[in-house]
Amino acid sequence: MADIVYEYMGGLYLNITNDCPCKCVFCIRDKMETLGSASEMWHEANPDFESIKKALNEFDTSKYSEVVFCGYGEPTCAFENLVKTAKYIKENYGFKIRVNTNGLGNLINKRDITPELCEIADVISISLNAPNAERYLQVTRNDFGIESFDAMLDFTKKCVEKNANVRMTVVDVIKPEEIEECAKIAQAIGAKFVSREYTTE
């Protein structure tokens, strides 16, 4: 049985789904079977809300103040459980909520989920990954095609407009000049920018 709750680099993480429309060239789940304190990251079936709640209640959360929705899948692929779990955490633990997402949640759910997401998330971290649509598709290899880049940018703009604490990230597997272009994109949208070091640890 896969771990739903795990610690990674001193933080508390939730692995609520393995579904993801992307096959990013740098994705850690293609390099490692486990992560952090987890003994298993691959679910036989995505956990339901009761299973997530049970796993959270059984985990020693005493040293944490934030929980991050980020496992071996895209959290907005399990959006209903994401919202239910975040509300449960707020009511019972008082933790800050961070959602690490590819920013394709509106395409995944075929509707605008940003109002609900911004209500439950204190921080939204969106993977920018590339400075233009062609490179974005090369890097993410996602199921939605060339329209996905603009959809991700629109998703980010909507989150920023709702006064959410939004950051856009890249992994430093792309060229330095591309990272600079990405930083300008984030700045133009009004999001913070973070360049993350590629690691398989």
C-alpha atoms as a PDB file:
ATOM      1  CA  MET A   1       0.000   0.000   0.000  1.00  0.00           C
ATOM      2  CA  ALA A   2       1.392   3.404  -0.992  1.00  0.00           C
ATOM      3  CA  ASP A   3       2.072   6.178   1.486  1.00  0.00           C
ATOM      4  CA  ILE A   4      -0.398   9.056   1.388  1.00  0.00           C
ATOM      5  CA  VAL A   5       1.419  11.201   3.960  1.00  0.00           C
ATOM      6  CA  TYR A   6       5.201  11.473   3.952  1.00  0.00           C
ATOM      7  CA  GLU A   7       8.044  13.749   4.985  1.00  0.00           C
ATOM      8  CA  TYR A   8      10.382  15.160   2.379  1.00  0.00           C
ATOM      9  CA  MET A   9      13.285  17.531   3.085  1.00  0.00           C
ATOM     10  CA  GLY A  10      11.792  18.410   6.463  1.00  0.00           C
ATOM     11  CA  GLY A  11       8.325  19.174   5.099  1.00  0.00           C
ATOM     12  CA  LEU A  12       4.972  17.385   5.313  1.00  0.00           C
ATOM     13  CA  TYR A  13       3.628  16.169   1.963  1.00  0.00           C
ATOM     14  CA  LEU A  14       0.434  14.539   0.702  1.00  0.00           C
ATOM     15  CA  ASN A  15       0.456  12.006  -2.144  1.00  0.00           C
ATOM     16  CA  ILE A  16      -3.263  11.929  -3.058  1.00  0.00           C
ATOM     17  CA  THR A  17      -3.083  10.745  -6.678  1.00  0.00           C
ATOM     18  CA  ASN A  18      -0.718   9.220  -9.211  1.00  0.00           C
ATOM     19  CA  ASP A  19      -2.618  10.656 -12.185  1.00  0.00           C
ATOM     20  CA  CYS A  20      -0.905  13.347 -14.258  1.00  0.00           C
ATOM     21  CA  PRO A  21      -1.333  14.535 -17.869  1.00  0.00           C
ATOM     22  CA  CYS A  22       2.386  15.362 -18.108  1.00  0.00           C
ATOM     23  CA  LYS A  23       5.465  13.228 -18.655  1.00  0.00           C
ATOM     24  CA  CYS A  24       8.074  15.855 -17.835  1.00  0.00           C
ATOM     25  CA  VAL A  25      11.603  15.040 -18.947  1.00  0.00           C
ATOM     26  CA  PHE A  26      12.946  15.744 -15.443  1.00  0.00           C
ATOM     27  CA  CYS A  27      10.153  14.090 -13.429  1.00  0.00           C
ATOM     28  CA  ILE A  28      11.517  12.438 -10.318  1.00  0.00           C
ATOM     29  CA  ARG A  29       8.884   9.713 -10.347  1.00  0.00           C
ATOM     30  CA  ASP A  30      10.538   8.230 -13.419  1.00  0.00           C
ATOM     31  CA  LYS A  31      13.867   8.122 -11.583  1.00  0.00           C
ATOM     32  CA  MET A  32      12.923   6.883  -8.102  1.00  0.00           C
ATOM     33  CA  GLU A  33      10.372   4.451  -6.693  1.00  0.00           C
ATOM     34  CA  THR A  34      10.173   6.237  -3.345  1.00  0.00           C
ATOM     35  CA  LEU A  35      10.710   9.699  -1.930  1.00  0.00           C
ATOM     36  CA  GLY A  36      11.573  11.046   1.525  1.00  0.00           C
ATOM     37  CA  SER A  37      10.103   8.964   4.340  1.00  0.00           C
ATOM     38  CA  ALA A  38       7.703   7.106   2.015  1.00  0.00           C
ATOM     39  CA  SER A  39       8.254   3.400   1.518  1.00  0.00           C
ATOM     40  CA  GLU A  40       5.944   3.293  -1.515  1.00  0.00           C
ATOM     41  CA  MET A  41       4.602   6.132  -3.709  1.00  0.00           C
ATOM     42  CA  TRP A  42       2.556   4.239  -6.285  1.00  0.00           C
ATOM     43  CA  HIS A  43      -1.097   3.696  -5.361  1.00  0.00           C
ATOM     44  CA  GLU A  44      -2.935   0.616  -6.612  1.00  0.00           C
ATOM     45  CA  ALA A  45      -5.932   2.956  -6.778  1.00  0.00           C
ATOM     46  CA  ASN A  46      -6.110   6.632  -5.883  1.00  0.00           C
ATOM     47  CA  PRO A  47      -7.095   7.015  -2.212  1.00  0.00           C
ATOM     48  CA  ASP A  48     -10.525   8.340  -1.263  1.00  0.00           C
ATOM     49  CA  PHE A  49     -11.041  11.173   1.210  1.00  0.00           C
ATOM     50  CA  GLU A  50     -11.570   8.859   4.195  1.00  0.00           C
ATOM     51  CA  SER A  51      -8.274   7.099   3.474  1.00  0.00           C
ATOM     52  CA  ILE A  52      -6.455  10.416   3.191  1.00  0.00           C
ATOM     53  CA  LYS A  53      -7.985  11.641   6.448  1.00  0.00           C
ATOM     54  CA  LYS A  54      -7.074   8.399   8.236  1.00  0.00           C
ATOM     55  CA  ALA A  55      -3.467   8.528   7.003  1.00  0.00           C
ATOM     56  CA  LEU A  56      -3.143  12.134   8.118  1.00  0.00           C
ATOM     57  CA  ASN A  57      -4.576  11.444  11.567  1.00  0.00           C
ATOM     58  CA  GLU A  58      -2.213   8.504  12.083  1.00  0.00           C
ATOM     59  CA  PHE A  59       0.908  10.465  11.065  1.00  0.00           C
ATOM     60  CA  ASP A  60       2.872  12.408  13.682  1.00  0.00           C
ATOM     61  CA  THR A  61       2.303  15.956  12.450  1.00  0.00           C
ATOM     62  CA  SER A  62       3.395  17.707  15.649  1.00  0.00           C
ATOM     63  CA  LYS A  63       6.490  19.397  14.192  1.00  0.00           C
ATOM     64  CA  TYR A  64       4.891  20.866  11.067  1.00  0.00           C
ATOM     65  CA  SER A  65       3.066  24.105  10.310  1.00  0.00           C
ATOM     66  CA  GLU A  66       2.521  23.608   6.570  1.00  0.00           C
ATOM     67  CA  VAL A  67       1.360  20.736   4.383  1.00  0.00           C
ATOM     68  CA  VAL A  68       2.176  20.432   0.682  1.00  0.00           C
ATOM     69  CA  PHE A  69      -0.035  18.678  -1.847  1.00  0.00           C
ATOM     70  CA  CYS A  70       2.631  17.127  -4.044  1.00  0.00           C
ATOM     71  CA  GLY A  71       3.244  13.429  -4.578  1.00  0.00           C
ATOM     72  CA  TYR A  72       3.714  11.177  -7.592  1.00  0.00           C
ATOM     73  CA  GLY A  73       0.847  12.848  -9.446  1.00  0.00           C
ATOM     74  CA  GLU A  74      -0.893  16.148 -10.171  1.00  0.00           C
ATOM     75  CA  PRO A  75      -3.064  17.143  -7.162  1.00  0.00           C
ATOM     76  CA  THR A  76      -5.755  18.798  -9.296  1.00  0.00           C
ATOM     77  CA  CYS A  77      -6.407  15.418 -10.933  1.00  0.00           C
ATOM     78  CA  ALA A  78      -8.077  14.590  -7.594  1.00  0.00           C
ATOM     79  CA  PHE A  79      -9.538  18.045  -7.127  1.00  0.00           C
ATOM     80  CA  GLU A  80     -12.566  17.072  -5.040  1.00  0.00           C
ATOM     81  CA  ASN A  81     -10.369  15.216  -2.552  1.00  0.00           C
ATOM     82  CA  LEU A  82      -7.838  18.050  -2.627  1.00  0.00           C
ATOM     83  CA  VAL A  83     -10.494  20.564  -1.566  1.00  0.00           C
ATOM     84  CA  LYS A  84     -12.053  18.283   1.057  1.00  0.00           C
ATOM     85  CA  THR A  85      -8.658  17.442   2.542  1.00  0.00           C
ATOM     86  CA  ALA A  86      -7.467  21.044   2.599  1.00  0.00           C
ATOM     87  CA  LYS A  87     -10.635  22.150   4.399  1.00  0.00           C
ATOM     88  CA  TYR A  88     -10.258  19.297   6.886  1.00  0.00           C
ATOM     89  CA  ILE A  89      -6.640  20.279   7.559  1.00  0.00           C
ATOM     90  CA  LYS A  90      -7.566  23.931   8.083  1.00  0.00           C
ATOM     91  CA  GLU A  91     -10.342  23.011  10.518  1.00  0.00           C
ATOM     92  CA  ASN A  92      -8.433  20.378  12.483  1.00  0.00           C
ATOM     93  CA  TYR A  93      -4.732  21.220  12.184  1.00  0.00           C
ATOM     94  CA  GLY A  94      -4.554  24.888  11.249  1.00  0.00           C
ATOM     95  CA  PHE A  95      -1.646  24.248   8.875  1.00  0.00           C
ATOM     96  CA  LYS A  96      -0.843  26.470   5.941  1.00  0.00           C
ATOM     97  CA  ILE A  97      -1.665  24.786   2.641  1.00  0.00           C
ATOM     98  CA  ARG A  98       0.646  24.761  -0.356  1.00  0.00           C
ATOM     99  CA  VAL A  99      -0.387  23.188  -3.640  1.00  0.00           C
ATOM    100  CA  ASN A 100       2.330  22.278  -6.137  1.00  0.00           C
ATOM    101  CA  THR A 101       0.635  22.053  -9.518  1.00  0.00           C
ATOM    102  CA  ASN A 102       1.397  21.936 -13.233  1.00  0.00           C
ATOM    103  CA  GLY A 103      -1.188  24.679 -13.769  1.00  0.00           C
ATOM    104  CA  LEU A 104      -3.306  22.573 -16.109  1.00  0.00           C
ATOM    105  CA  GLY A 105      -6.105  22.076 -13.587  1.00  0.00           C
ATOM    106  CA  ASN A 106      -8.697  23.908 -15.681  1.00  0.00           C
ATOM    107  CA  LEU A 107      -8.002  21.658 -18.660  1.00  0.00           C
ATOM    108  CA  ILE A 108      -7.985  18.576 -16.455  1.00  0.00           C
ATOM    109  CA  ASN A 109     -11.305  19.419 -14.789  1.00  0.00           C
ATOM    110  CA  LYS A 110     -12.851  21.104 -17.855  1.00  0.00           C
ATOM    111  CA  ARG A 111     -13.839  24.163 -15.824  1.00  0.00           C
ATOM    112  CA  ASP A 112     -12.276  27.053 -13.936  1.00  0.00           C
ATOM    113  CA  ILE A 113     -11.170  25.649 -10.577  1.00  0.00           C
ATOM    114  CA  THR A 114      -9.120  28.682  -9.542  1.00  0.00           C
ATOM    115  CA  PRO A 115     -11.787  30.269  -7.286  1.00  0.00           C
ATOM    116  CA  GLU A 116     -11.996  27.098  -5.149  1.00  0.00           C
ATOM    117  CA  LEU A 117      -8.249  26.518  -5.255  1.00  0.00           C
ATOM    118  CA  CYS A 118      -7.444  30.042  -4.104  1.00  0.00           C
ATOM    119  CA  GLU A 119      -9.909  29.702  -1.239  1.00  0.00           C
ATOM    120  CA  ILE A 120      -8.174  26.677   0.246  1.00  0.00           C
ATOM    121  CA  ALA A 121      -4.506  27.275  -0.671  1.00  0.00           C
ATOM    122  CA  ASP A 122      -2.200  29.721   1.099  1.00  0.00           C
ATOM    123  CA  VAL A 123       0.490  29.211  -1.535  1.00  0.00           C
ATOM    124  CA  ILE A 124       0.116  27.972  -5.109  1.00  0.00           C
ATOM    125  CA  SER A 125       3.311  26.851  -6.829  1.00  0.00           C
ATOM    126  CA  ILE A 126       2.909  26.471 -10.592  1.00  0.00           C
ATOM    127  CA  SER A 127       5.415  24.722 -12.848  1.00  0.00           C
ATOM    128  CA  LEU A 128       6.260  27.107 -15.699  1.00  0.00           C
ATOM    129  CA  ASN A 129       9.018  24.867 -17.062  1.00  0.00           C
ATOM    130  CA  ALA A 130       9.654  26.705 -20.366  1.00  0.00           C
ATOM    131  CA  PRO A 131       9.402  30.178 -21.945  1.00  0.00           C
ATOM    132  CA  ASN A 132       7.142  29.353 -24.914  1.00  0.00           C
ATOM    133  CA  ALA A 133       4.524  26.882 -26.110  1.00  0.00           C
ATOM    134  CA  GLU A 134       6.835  24.769 -28.259  1.00  0.00           C
ATOM    135  CA  ARG A 135       9.469  24.298 -25.574  1.00  0.00           C
ATOM    136  CA  TYR A 136       6.796  23.755 -22.934  1.00  0.00           C
ATOM    137  CA  LEU A 137       5.390  20.837 -24.895  1.00  0.00           C
ATOM    138  CA  GLN A 138       8.879  19.408 -25.440  1.00  0.00           C
ATOM    139  CA  VAL A 139       9.656  19.574 -21.716  1.00  0.00           C
ATOM    140  CA  THR A 140       6.282  18.506 -20.268  1.00  0.00           C
ATOM    141  CA  ARG A 141       5.170  16.081 -23.018  1.00  0.00           C
ATOM    142  CA  ASN A 142       1.599  16.633 -21.810  1.00  0.00           C
ATOM    143  CA  ASP A 143      -1.652  15.205 -23.150  1.00  0.00           C
ATOM    144  CA  PHE A 144      -3.243  18.539 -24.104  1.00  0.00           C
ATOM    145  CA  GLY A 145      -0.919  19.657 -26.870  1.00  0.00           C
ATOM    146  CA  ILE A 146       0.202  23.118 -27.904  1.00  0.00           C
ATOM    147  CA  GLU A 147      -2.719  24.930 -26.202  1.00  0.00           C
ATOM    148  CA  SER A 148      -1.462  23.796 -22.794  1.00  0.00           C
ATOM    149  CA  PHE A 149       1.101  26.594 -22.402  1.00  0.00           C
ATOM    150  CA  ASP A 150      -1.440  29.388 -22.775  1.00  0.00           C
ATOM    151  CA  ALA A 151      -3.867  27.477 -20.550  1.00  0.00           C
ATOM    152  CA  MET A 152      -1.205  27.262 -17.826  1.00  0.00           C
ATOM    153  CA  LEU A 153      -0.474  30.992 -18.103  1.00  0.00           C
ATOM    154  CA  ASP A 154      -4.185  31.825 -17.958  1.00  0.00           C
ATOM    155  CA  PHE A 155      -4.560  29.587 -14.895  1.00  0.00           C
ATOM    156  CA  THR A 156      -1.700  31.453 -13.219  1.00  0.00           C
ATOM    157  CA  LYS A 157      -3.147  34.869 -14.070  1.00  0.00           C
ATOM    158  CA  LYS A 158      -6.498  33.875 -12.601  1.00  0.00           C
ATOM    159  CA  CYS A 159      -4.811  32.785  -9.376  1.00  0.00           C
ATOM    160  CA  VAL A 160      -2.823  36.026  -9.146  1.00  0.00           C
ATOM    161  CA  GLU A 161      -6.010  38.070  -9.744  1.00  0.00           C
ATOM    162  CA  LYS A 162      -7.588  36.361  -6.744  1.00  0.00           C
ATOM    163  CA  ASN A 163      -4.774  37.671  -4.536  1.00  0.00           C
ATOM    164  CA  ALA A 164      -3.323  34.223  -3.978  1.00  0.00           C
ATOM    165  CA  ASN A 165       0.339  33.832  -3.028  1.00  0.00           C
ATOM    166  CA  VAL A 166       1.502  32.474  -6.383  1.00  0.00           C
ATOM    167  CA  ARG A 167       4.936  31.429  -7.524  1.00  0.00           C
ATOM    168  CA  MET A 168       6.080  30.032 -10.863  1.00  0.00           C
ATOM    169  CA  THR A 169       8.946  27.580 -11.005  1.00  0.00           C
ATOM    170  CA  VAL A 170      11.364  26.068 -13.468  1.00  0.00           C
ATOM    171  CA  VAL A 171      13.833  23.229 -13.047  1.00  0.00           C
ATOM    172  CA  ASP A 172      17.330  24.196 -14.163  1.00  0.00           C
ATOM    173  CA  VAL A 173      17.481  21.554 -16.893  1.00  0.00           C
ATOM    174  CA  ILE A 174      16.628  24.265 -19.435  1.00  0.00           C
ATOM    175  CA  LYS A 175      19.104  26.807 -20.799  1.00  0.00           C
ATOM    176  CA  PRO A 176      20.113  29.827 -18.652  1.00  0.00           C
ATOM    177  CA  GLU A 177      18.634  32.225 -21.216  1.00  0.00           C
ATOM    178  CA  GLU A 178      15.354  30.305 -21.074  1.00  0.00           C
ATOM    179  CA  ILE A 179      15.335  30.616 -17.293  1.00  0.00           C
ATOM    180  CA  GLU A 180      15.752  34.383 -17.702  1.00  0.00           C
ATOM    181  CA  GLU A 181      12.808  34.487 -20.125  1.00  0.00           C
ATOM    182  CA  CYS A 182      10.713  32.497 -17.670  1.00  0.00           C
ATOM    183  CA  ALA A 183      11.546  34.922 -14.881  1.00  0.00           C
ATOM    184  CA  LYS A 184      10.264  37.787 -17.056  1.00  0.00           C
ATOM    185  CA  ILE A 185       7.031  35.889 -17.738  1.00  0.00           C
ATOM    186  CA  ALA A 186       6.423  35.365 -14.032  1.00  0.00           C
ATOM    187  CA  GLN A 187       7.178  39.016 -13.297  1.00  0.00           C
ATOM    188  CA  ALA A 188       4.759  40.185 -16.013  1.00  0.00           C
ATOM    189  CA  ILE A 189       1.998  38.017 -14.569  1.00  0.00           C
ATOM    190  CA  GLY A 190       2.689  39.177 -11.026  1.00  0.00           C
ATOM    191  CA  ALA A 191       3.915  35.861  -9.622  1.00  0.00           C
ATOM    192  CA  LYS A 192       7.100  35.155  -7.714  1.00  0.00           C
ATOM    193  CA  PHE A 193       9.760  33.201  -9.588  1.00  0.00           C
ATOM    194  CA  VAL A 194      11.839  30.262  -8.398  1.00  0.00           C
ATOM    195  CA  SER A 195      14.482  28.331 -10.335  1.00  0.00           C
ATOM    196  CA  ARG A 196      14.857  24.892  -8.762  1.00  0.00           C
ATOM    197  CA  GLU A 197      17.987  22.779  -8.913  1.00  0.00           C
ATOM    198  CA  TYR A 198      17.466  19.425 -10.596  1.00  0.00           C
ATOM    199  CA  THR A 199      18.000  16.561  -8.193  1.00  0.00           C
ATOM    200  CA  THR A 200      17.095  12.888  -7.943  1.00  0.00           C
ATOM    201  CA  GLU A 201      17.650  12.765  -4.186  1.00  0.00           C
END
